[in-house]
C-alpha atoms as a PDB file:
ATOM      1  CA  MET A   1      -0.030  -0.133   0.062  1.00  0.00           C
ATOM      2  CA  LEU A   2       1.264   3.518  -0.747  1.00  0.00           C
ATOM      3  CA  VAL A   3       2.620   5.716   1.915  1.00  0.00           C
ATOM      4  CA  LYS A   4       1.189   8.784   0.914  1.00  0.00           C
ATOM      5  CA  PRO A   5       4.090  10.987   0.039  1.00  0.00           C
ATOM      6  CA  ARG A   6       4.436  14.579   1.435  1.00  0.00           C
ATOM      7  CA  GLY A   7       6.067  15.681  -1.863  1.00  0.00           C
ATOM      8  CA  LEU A   8       6.709  14.433  -5.519  1.00  0.00           C
ATOM      9  CA  LEU A   9       9.866  14.656  -7.743  1.00  0.00           C
ATOM     10  CA  ILE A  10       8.542  13.964 -11.488  1.00  0.00           C
ATOM     11  CA  ASP A  11      10.671  13.153 -14.251  1.00  0.00           C
ATOM     12  CA  LEU A  12       9.780  14.999 -17.591  1.00  0.00           C
ATOM     13  CA  ASP A  13      10.928  13.386 -20.935  1.00  0.00           C
ATOM     14  CA  GLY A  14       9.156  10.133 -21.306  1.00  0.00           C
ATOM     15  CA  THR A  15       6.988  10.576 -18.312  1.00  0.00           C
ATOM     16  CA  LEU A  16       5.225  13.943 -19.033  1.00  0.00           C
ATOM     17  CA  TYR A  17       5.859  14.225 -22.792  1.00  0.00           C
ATOM     18  CA  HIS A  18       7.745  12.880 -25.837  1.00  0.00           C
ATOM     19  CA  GLY A  19       9.776  15.788 -27.402  1.00  0.00           C
ATOM     20  CA  ARG A  20       7.045  18.335 -28.136  1.00  0.00           C
ATOM     21  CA  HIS A  21       4.114  15.932 -27.548  1.00  0.00           C
ATOM     22  CA  ARG A  22       2.297  15.720 -24.171  1.00  0.00           C
ATOM     23  CA  ILE A  23       1.731  12.302 -22.854  1.00  0.00           C
ATOM     24  CA  PRO A  24      -1.977  11.684 -22.265  1.00  0.00           C
ATOM     25  CA  GLY A  25      -2.882  12.663 -18.662  1.00  0.00           C
ATOM     26  CA  ALA A  26       0.025  14.682 -17.849  1.00  0.00           C
ATOM     27  CA  ASP A  27      -2.072  17.962 -17.484  1.00  0.00           C
ATOM     28  CA  ARG A  28      -4.693  16.251 -15.209  1.00  0.00           C
ATOM     29  CA  LEU A  29      -1.952  14.701 -12.950  1.00  0.00           C
ATOM     30  CA  ILE A  30      -0.370  18.084 -12.357  1.00  0.00           C
ATOM     31  CA  ASN A  31      -3.630  19.682 -11.849  1.00  0.00           C
ATOM     32  CA  SER A  32      -4.739  16.960  -9.548  1.00  0.00           C
ATOM     33  CA  LEU A  33      -1.587  17.440  -7.377  1.00  0.00           C
ATOM     34  CA  LYS A  34      -2.223  21.223  -7.333  1.00  0.00           C
ATOM     35  CA  ASP A  35      -5.907  20.706  -6.400  1.00  0.00           C
ATOM     36  CA  GLN A  36      -4.709  18.165  -3.307  1.00  0.00           C
ATOM     37  CA  ALA A  37      -1.859  20.736  -2.291  1.00  0.00           C
ATOM     38  CA  ILE A  38       0.677  18.249  -2.874  1.00  0.00           C
ATOM     39  CA  PRO A  39       4.131  19.626  -3.494  1.00  0.00           C
ATOM     40  CA  TYR A  40       6.220  18.558  -6.463  1.00  0.00           C
ATOM     41  CA  LEU A  41       9.234  19.561  -8.495  1.00  0.00           C
ATOM     42  CA  TYR A  42       9.972  18.693 -12.141  1.00  0.00           C
ATOM     43  CA  VAL A  43      13.488  17.038 -12.192  1.00  0.00           C
ATOM     44  CA  THR A  44      15.378  16.663 -15.222  1.00  0.00           C
ATOM     45  CA  ASN A  45      18.743  15.470 -16.302  1.00  0.00           C
ATOM     46  CA  ASN A  46      18.723  17.964 -19.190  1.00  0.00           C
ATOM     47  CA  SER A  47      21.538  20.364 -18.501  1.00  0.00           C
ATOM     48  CA  SER A  48      21.085  22.550 -21.674  1.00  0.00           C
ATOM     49  CA  ARG A  49      17.902  24.489 -20.680  1.00  0.00           C
ATOM     50  CA  THR A  50      17.251  27.041 -17.904  1.00  0.00           C
ATOM     51  CA  PRO A  51      14.547  26.518 -15.657  1.00  0.00           C
ATOM     52  CA  GLU A  52      12.570  29.116 -17.347  1.00  0.00           C
ATOM     53  CA  GLN A  53      12.966  27.493 -20.828  1.00  0.00           C
ATOM     54  CA  VAL A  54      11.812  24.287 -19.288  1.00  0.00           C
ATOM     55  CA  ALA A  55       8.803  25.979 -17.682  1.00  0.00           C
ATOM     56  CA  ILE A  56       7.882  27.441 -21.016  1.00  0.00           C
ATOM     57  CA  HIS A  57       8.337  24.195 -22.833  1.00  0.00           C
ATOM     58  CA  LEU A  58       5.722  22.513 -20.479  1.00  0.00           C
ATOM     59  CA  GLN A  59       3.374  25.381 -20.411  1.00  0.00           C
ATOM     60  CA  GLY A  60       3.659  25.230 -24.530  1.00  0.00           C
ATOM     61  CA  MET A  61       2.060  21.784 -24.145  1.00  0.00           C
ATOM     62  CA  GLY A  62      -0.557  22.672 -21.543  1.00  0.00           C
ATOM     63  CA  ILE A  63       1.163  21.197 -18.444  1.00  0.00           C
ATOM     64  CA  PRO A  64       1.181  24.002 -15.735  1.00  0.00           C
ATOM     65  CA  ALA A  65       4.798  24.978 -14.854  1.00  0.00           C
ATOM     66  CA  LEU A  66       6.872  27.668 -13.122  1.00  0.00           C
ATOM     67  CA  ALA A  67      10.465  28.308 -13.360  1.00  0.00           C
ATOM     68  CA  GLU A  68      10.730  27.723  -9.640  1.00  0.00           C
ATOM     69  CA  GLU A  69       9.156  24.297  -9.799  1.00  0.00           C
ATOM     70  CA  VAL A  70      11.961  22.945 -12.113  1.00  0.00           C
ATOM     71  CA  VAL A  71      15.185  21.469 -11.014  1.00  0.00           C
ATOM     72  CA  THR A  72      17.948  20.662 -13.521  1.00  0.00           C
ATOM     73  CA  SER A  73      21.181  18.668 -13.234  1.00  0.00           C
ATOM     74  CA  SER A  74      23.066  22.229 -14.094  1.00  0.00           C
ATOM     75  CA  LEU A  75      21.407  23.551 -10.872  1.00  0.00           C
ATOM     76  CA  ALA A  76      22.419  20.532  -8.879  1.00  0.00           C
ATOM     77  CA  ALA A  77      26.005  20.469 -10.247  1.00  0.00           C
ATOM     78  CA  ALA A  78      26.561  24.326  -9.607  1.00  0.00           C
ATOM     79  CA  GLN A  79      25.600  24.037  -5.885  1.00  0.00           C
ATOM     80  CA  TYR A  80      27.565  20.946  -5.480  1.00  0.00           C
ATOM     81  CA  VAL A  81      30.846  22.516  -6.593  1.00  0.00           C
ATOM     82  CA  ALA A  82      29.873  25.791  -4.844  1.00  0.00           C
ATOM     83  CA  GLU A  83      29.585  24.189  -1.353  1.00  0.00           C
ATOM     84  CA  GLU A  84      32.657  22.029  -2.071  1.00  0.00           C
ATOM     85  CA  SER A  85      34.593  25.249  -3.236  1.00  0.00           C
ATOM     86  CA  PRO A  86      32.883  28.573  -2.968  1.00  0.00           C
ATOM     87  CA  GLY A  87      33.770  30.836  -6.025  1.00  0.00           C
ATOM     88  CA  ALA A  88      35.962  28.165  -7.531  1.00  0.00           C
ATOM     89  CA  LYS A  89      37.355  28.631 -11.010  1.00  0.00           C
ATOM     90  CA  VAL A  90      35.624  26.383 -13.479  1.00  0.00           C
ATOM     91  CA  ALA A  91      35.953  25.593 -17.079  1.00  0.00           C
ATOM     92  CA  MET A  92      32.636  24.853 -18.533  1.00  0.00           C
ATOM     93  CA  ILE A  93      31.660  22.378 -21.426  1.00  0.00           C
ATOM     94  CA  GLY A  94      28.028  22.900 -21.861  1.00  0.00           C
ATOM     95  CA  GLU A  95      25.192  25.150 -22.991  1.00  0.00           C
ATOM     96  CA  GLU A  96      23.111  28.105 -21.640  1.00  0.00           C
ATOM     97  CA  GLY A  97      21.332  26.341 -18.966  1.00  0.00           C
ATOM     98  CA  LEU A  98      24.719  25.352 -17.286  1.00  0.00           C
ATOM     99  CA  MET A  99      26.504  28.771 -17.906  1.00  0.00           C
ATOM    100  CA  GLN A 100      23.401  30.405 -15.986  1.00  0.00           C
ATOM    101  CA  ALA A 101      23.593  27.859 -13.197  1.00  0.00           C
ATOM    102  CA  LEU A 102      27.387  28.419 -12.738  1.00  0.00           C
ATOM    103  CA  ASN A 103      27.146  32.134 -12.728  1.00  0.00           C
ATOM    104  CA  ALA A 104      24.301  32.284 -10.161  1.00  0.00           C
ATOM    105  CA  ALA A 105      26.285  30.048  -7.827  1.00  0.00           C
ATOM    106  CA  GLY A 106      28.931  32.427  -7.669  1.00  0.00           C
ATOM    107  CA  LEU A 107      31.428  30.177  -9.592  1.00  0.00           C
ATOM    108  CA  ARG A 108      34.030  31.909 -11.911  1.00  0.00           C
ATOM    109  CA  ILE A 109      34.071  30.431 -15.661  1.00  0.00           C
ATOM    110  CA  VAL A 110      37.356  30.528 -16.753  1.00  0.00           C
ATOM    111  CA  GLU A 111      39.570  29.343 -19.871  1.00  0.00           C
ATOM    112  CA  ASP A 112      42.745  28.526 -18.070  1.00  0.00           C
ATOM    113  CA  SER A 113      43.882  26.621 -14.920  1.00  0.00           C
ATOM    114  CA  PRO A 114      40.336  25.573 -13.717  1.00  0.00           C
ATOM    115  CA  GLU A 115      39.914  23.801 -10.566  1.00  0.00           C
ATOM    116  CA  TYR A 116      37.025  22.034 -11.913  1.00  0.00           C
ATOM    117  CA  VAL A 117      35.949  21.148 -15.420  1.00  0.00           C
ATOM    118  CA  ILE A 118      32.128  20.846 -15.331  1.00  0.00           C
ATOM    119  CA  GLN A 119      30.557  19.203 -18.429  1.00  0.00           C
ATOM    120  CA  GLY A 120      26.980  18.754 -19.592  1.00  0.00           C
ATOM    121  CA  ILE A 121      25.536  18.394 -22.973  1.00  0.00           C
ATOM    122  CA  ASP A 122      27.464  20.710 -25.561  1.00  0.00           C
ATOM    123  CA  ARG A 123      26.298  20.531 -29.224  1.00  0.00           C
ATOM    124  CA  SER A 124      29.104  22.443 -30.364  1.00  0.00           C
ATOM    125  CA  PHE A 125      31.645  20.115 -28.809  1.00  0.00           C
ATOM    126  CA  HIS A 126      34.949  19.593 -30.905  1.00  0.00           C
ATOM    127  CA  TYR A 127      38.385  18.056 -30.608  1.00  0.00           C
ATOM    128  CA  ASP A 128      39.916  21.276 -29.117  1.00  0.00           C
ATOM    129  CA  LYS A 129      37.583  21.108 -26.194  1.00  0.00           C
ATOM    130  CA  LEU A 130      38.468  17.533 -25.603  1.00  0.00           C
ATOM    131  CA  THR A 131      42.105  18.067 -25.653  1.00  0.00           C
ATOM    132  CA  LEU A 132      41.821  21.130 -23.156  1.00  0.00           C
ATOM    133  CA  ALA A 133      39.315  19.188 -20.757  1.00  0.00           C
ATOM    134  CA  VAL A 134      41.836  16.143 -20.790  1.00  0.00           C
ATOM    135  CA  ARG A 135      44.825  18.281 -20.066  1.00  0.00           C
ATOM    136  CA  TRP A 136      42.982  20.303 -17.325  1.00  0.00           C
ATOM    137  CA  ILE A 137      41.894  17.191 -15.679  1.00  0.00           C
ATOM    138  CA  GLN A 138      45.389  15.398 -15.777  1.00  0.00           C
ATOM    139  CA  GLU A 139      46.738  18.435 -14.261  1.00  0.00           C
ATOM    140  CA  GLY A 140      44.535  18.010 -11.344  1.00  0.00           C
ATOM    141  CA  ALA A 141      41.203  19.756 -12.111  1.00  0.00           C
ATOM    142  CA  ILE A 142      38.173  17.723 -10.599  1.00  0.00           C
ATOM    143  CA  SER A 143      35.787  16.187 -13.443  1.00  0.00           C
ATOM    144  CA  VAL A 144      32.001  16.784 -12.856  1.00  0.00           C
ATOM    145  CA  LEU A 145      29.435  15.351 -14.999  1.00  0.00           C
ATOM    146  CA  THR A 146      26.263  16.866 -15.079  1.00  0.00           C
ATOM    147  CA  ASN A 147      24.336  13.773 -16.234  1.00  0.00           C
ATOM    148  CA  PRO A 148      25.466  10.520 -17.813  1.00  0.00           C
ATOM    149  CA  ASP A 149      22.699  10.242 -20.318  1.00  0.00           C
ATOM    150  CA  LEU A 150      24.445   8.397 -23.683  1.00  0.00           C
ATOM    151  CA  GLN A 151      21.550   9.456 -25.812  1.00  0.00           C
ATOM    152  CA  LEU A 152      19.416  12.575 -26.147  1.00  0.00           C
ATOM    153  CA  PRO A 153      16.124  12.308 -27.693  1.00  0.00           C
ATOM    154  CA  SER A 154      15.205  14.842 -30.429  1.00  0.00           C
ATOM    155  CA  ASP A 155      12.401  15.490 -32.937  1.00  0.00           C
ATOM    156  CA  THR A 156      14.510  13.952 -35.405  1.00  0.00           C
ATOM    157  CA  GLY A 157      15.818  10.921 -33.598  1.00  0.00           C
ATOM    158  CA  LEU A 158      18.392  10.112 -30.898  1.00  0.00           C
ATOM    159  CA  MET A 159      21.487  12.312 -30.588  1.00  0.00           C
ATOM    160  CA  PRO A 160      24.687  11.790 -28.346  1.00  0.00           C
ATOM    161  CA  GLY A 161      24.090  12.945 -24.781  1.00  0.00           C
ATOM    162  CA  ALA A 162      26.203  14.581 -22.234  1.00  0.00           C
ATOM    163  CA  GLY A 163      27.368  11.080 -21.046  1.00  0.00           C
ATOM    164  CA  SER A 164      28.705  10.247 -24.536  1.00  0.00           C
ATOM    165  CA  ILE A 165      30.933  13.467 -24.366  1.00  0.00           C
ATOM    166  CA  GLY A 166      31.875  12.477 -20.610  1.00  0.00           C
ATOM    167  CA  ALA A 167      32.865   8.906 -21.862  1.00  0.00           C
ATOM    168  CA  ALA A 168      35.431  10.395 -24.445  1.00  0.00           C
ATOM    169  CA  ILE A 169      36.657  12.760 -21.462  1.00  0.00           C
ATOM    170  CA  GLU A 170      37.003   9.872 -19.216  1.00  0.00           C
ATOM    171  CA  ALA A 171      38.665   7.490 -21.724  1.00  0.00           C
ATOM    172  CA  ALA A 172      41.348   9.976 -22.574  1.00  0.00           C
ATOM    173  CA  SER A 173      41.858  11.404 -19.158  1.00  0.00           C
ATOM    174  CA  GLY A 174      41.693   8.066 -17.357  1.00  0.00           C
ATOM    175  CA  ILE A 175      39.802   9.936 -14.574  1.00  0.00           C
ATOM    176  CA  LYS A 176      36.072   9.067 -13.594  1.00  0.00           C
ATOM    177  CA  PRO A 177      33.923  12.234 -13.205  1.00  0.00           C
ATOM    178  CA  ILE A 178      31.772  12.950 -10.100  1.00  0.00           C
ATOM    179  CA  ILE A 179      28.198  12.306 -11.593  1.00  0.00           C
ATOM    180  CA  ILE A 180      25.590  14.742 -10.630  1.00  0.00           C
ATOM    181  CA  GLY A 181      22.341  13.605 -12.478  1.00  0.00           C
ATOM    182  CA  LYS A 182      20.233  10.390 -12.371  1.00  0.00           C
ATOM    183  CA  PRO A 183      20.973   7.541 -11.338  1.00  0.00           C
ATOM    184  CA  SER A 184      23.099   9.612  -9.149  1.00  0.00           C
ATOM    185  CA  SER A 185      21.221  10.539  -5.592  1.00  0.00           C
ATOM    186  CA  VAL A 186      23.299  14.034  -5.846  1.00  0.00           C
ATOM    187  CA  LEU A 187      20.462  15.420  -7.991  1.00  0.00           C
ATOM    188  CA  MET A 188      17.671  13.851  -5.665  1.00  0.00           C
ATOM    189  CA  LYS A 189      19.250  15.125  -2.733  1.00  0.00           C
ATOM    190  CA  TYR A 190      19.312  18.617  -4.090  1.00  0.00           C
ATOM    191  CA  ALA A 191      15.640  18.326  -5.233  1.00  0.00           C
ATOM    192  CA  SER A 192      14.659  16.972  -1.818  1.00  0.00           C
ATOM    193  CA  ASP A 193      16.347  19.837  -0.069  1.00  0.00           C
ATOM    194  CA  ARG A 194      14.564  22.282  -2.504  1.00  0.00           C
ATOM    195  CA  LEU A 195      11.104  20.650  -1.337  1.00  0.00           C
ATOM    196  CA  GLY A 196      12.129  20.879   2.326  1.00  0.00           C
ATOM    197  CA  LEU A 197      11.590  17.282   2.806  1.00  0.00           C
ATOM    198  CA  VAL A 198      13.751  14.269   3.635  1.00  0.00           C
ATOM    199  CA  PRO A 199      13.761  11.387   1.090  1.00  0.00           C
ATOM    200  CA  GLY A 200      11.528   9.142   3.082  1.00  0.00           C
ATOM    201  CA  GLU A 201       8.796  11.801   2.820  1.00  0.00           C
ATOM    202  CA  ILE A 202       9.106  11.879  -1.136  1.00  0.00           C
ATOM    203  CA  ALA A 203       7.902   9.665  -4.159  1.00  0.00           C
ATOM    204  CA  VAL A 204       9.808   9.748  -7.303  1.00  0.00           C
ATOM    205  CA  ILE A 205       7.906   9.359 -10.547  1.00  0.00           C
ATOM    206  CA  GLY A 206       9.570   8.182 -13.771  1.00  0.00           C
ATOM    207  CA  ASP A 207       9.569   6.147 -16.935  1.00  0.00           C
ATOM    208  CA  ASN A 208      13.244   4.938 -16.576  1.00  0.00           C
ATOM    209  CA  ILE A 209      14.427   2.313 -14.066  1.00  0.00           C
ATOM    210  CA  ARG A 210      17.986   2.806 -14.829  1.00  0.00           C
ATOM    211  CA  THR A 211      17.861   6.557 -14.193  1.00  0.00           C
ATOM    212  CA  ASP A 212      14.631   7.850 -12.415  1.00  0.00           C
ATOM    213  CA  ILE A 213      13.741   4.741 -10.417  1.00  0.00           C
ATOM    214  CA  ALA A 214      17.506   3.827  -9.572  1.00  0.00           C
ATOM    215  CA  ALA A 215      17.932   7.495  -8.330  1.00  0.00           C
ATOM    216  CA  GLY A 216      15.084   7.599  -6.224  1.00  0.00           C
ATOM    217  CA  ALA A 217      15.855   4.201  -4.676  1.00  0.00           C
ATOM    218  CA  HIS A 218      19.454   5.392  -4.160  1.00  0.00           C
ATOM    219  CA  ALA A 219      18.306   8.421  -2.231  1.00  0.00           C
ATOM    220  CA  GLY A 220      15.942   6.742  -0.026  1.00  0.00           C
ATOM    221  CA  CYS A 221      12.575   7.783  -1.827  1.00  0.00           C
ATOM    222  CA  GLN A 222       9.380   5.948  -2.766  1.00  0.00           C
ATOM    223  CA  THR A 223       9.601   5.129  -6.447  1.00  0.00           C
ATOM    224  CA  ILE A 224       6.615   4.977  -8.994  1.00  0.00           C
ATOM    225  CA  LEU A 225       7.411   3.605 -12.568  1.00  0.00           C
ATOM    226  CA  VAL A 226       5.192   4.692 -15.382  1.00  0.00           C
ATOM    227  CA  MET A 227       5.192   2.742 -18.405  1.00  0.00           C
ATOM    228  CA  THR A 228       5.287   5.697 -20.742  1.00  0.00           C
ATOM    229  CA  GLY A 229       8.719   5.755 -22.186  1.00  0.00           C
ATOM    230  CA  ILE A 230      12.007   4.012 -21.558  1.00  0.00           C
ATOM    231  CA  THR A 231      11.035   1.266 -19.470  1.00  0.00           C
ATOM    232  CA  THR A 232       8.829  -1.296 -21.412  1.00  0.00           C
ATOM    233  CA  THR A 233       7.390  -4.733 -20.672  1.00  0.00           C
ATOM    234  CA  LEU A 234       9.989  -6.006 -23.063  1.00  0.00           C
ATOM    235  CA  ASN A 235      13.063  -4.758 -21.597  1.00  0.00           C
ATOM    236  CA  MET A 236      11.847  -4.444 -17.843  1.00  0.00           C
ATOM    237  CA  ASN A 237      13.736  -7.658 -16.684  1.00  0.00           C
ATOM    238  CA  GLU A 238      16.937  -6.457 -18.315  1.00  0.00           C
ATOM    239  CA  HIS A 239      16.690  -2.951 -16.500  1.00  0.00           C
ATOM    240  CA  LEU A 240      15.790  -4.719 -13.290  1.00  0.00           C
ATOM    241  CA  GLU A 241      18.664  -6.927 -13.482  1.00  0.00           C
ATOM    242  CA  SER A 242      21.383  -4.216 -14.665  1.00  0.00           C
ATOM    243  CA  THR A 243      20.402  -2.061 -11.716  1.00  0.00           C
ATOM    244  CA  GLY A 244      19.065  -4.203  -8.909  1.00  0.00           C
ATOM    245  CA  VAL A 245      16.440  -1.824  -8.190  1.00  0.00           C
ATOM    246  CA  LYS A 246      12.766  -2.606  -8.255  1.00  0.00           C
ATOM    247  CA  PRO A 247      10.285   0.085  -8.301  1.00  0.00           C
ATOM    248  CA  ASP A 248       7.622   0.346  -5.408  1.00  0.00           C
ATOM    249  CA  TYR A 249       4.806   0.583  -7.752  1.00  0.00           C
ATOM    250  CA  ILE A 250       4.180   0.374 -11.592  1.00  0.00           C
ATOM    251  CA  CYS A 251       1.621   2.190 -13.299  1.00  0.00           C
ATOM    252  CA  GLN A 252       0.599   1.469 -17.097  1.00  0.00           C
ATOM    253  CA  ASP A 253      -0.231   5.231 -17.804  1.00  0.00           C
ATOM    254  CA  LEU A 254      -0.666   8.615 -15.875  1.00  0.00           C
ATOM    255  CA  SER A 255      -4.195   8.003 -15.149  1.00  0.00           C
ATOM    256  CA  GLU A 256      -3.239   5.220 -12.966  1.00  0.00           C
ATOM    257  CA  VAL A 257      -0.521   7.468 -11.400  1.00  0.00           C
ATOM    258  CA  THR A 258      -3.246  10.005 -10.693  1.00  0.00           C
ATOM    259  CA  LYS A 259      -5.542   7.226  -9.066  1.00  0.00           C
ATOM    260  CA  LEU A 260      -2.636   6.281  -6.983  1.00  0.00           C
ATOM    261  CA  LEU A 261      -1.604   9.596  -5.720  1.00  0.00           C
ATOM    262  CA  CYS A 262      -5.230  11.483  -5.765  1.00  0.00           C
ATOM    263  CA  PRO A 263      -7.785   8.916  -5.159  1.00  0.00           C
END
């Protein structure tokens, strides 16, 4: 039986939408949570967008959203580094969402002798950036990866994700990065703190056992898998075996999630 959560962390792509298309029931789920005053945050591994951009994307599909309801791997990465080394010099490999997060956290973006190399998705990545990142890391800079996703969905098909760039940097430098996004619990702790709740009071909703559900389980949250995205009946056993994680609840669609949380 579900222990009624005091707050929710909700994945986006594959859970509430596919690209630019809303998954049926997404708007009703969010409106039901609002009606019952259940706090929630949208939590995404995507490091390229700012919270404002994510909220606009959701609003465009008819899903209620405010920037302050959005948590990204960029925000969590910036806070992680700022807490470890306030005002640190950082080299950034990424896009607007990461740059804004680093600046807001008071970190100094530099192009020489960084203390950290912070890397997210970068669709202008090239060999010279790889070379510099590897040299900085080998000289002692700490490698931080916003999220390990190897692939990124787009309207034209799958693209290499931040994790693919990270794999190249790791292979060339020989140094494993600190991973912030799902399935790491770092992002979930950041989001839990934003809600003002402890993980045991929170349920995580997501479509991917390997990322969303694993991250929630590692953080100590309840987990709700919805069969609208990456994990399917065909690959579920593979996902369960590869992670060693089992969701607390499995819902076939978002209407089942709504009934579970807002009976």
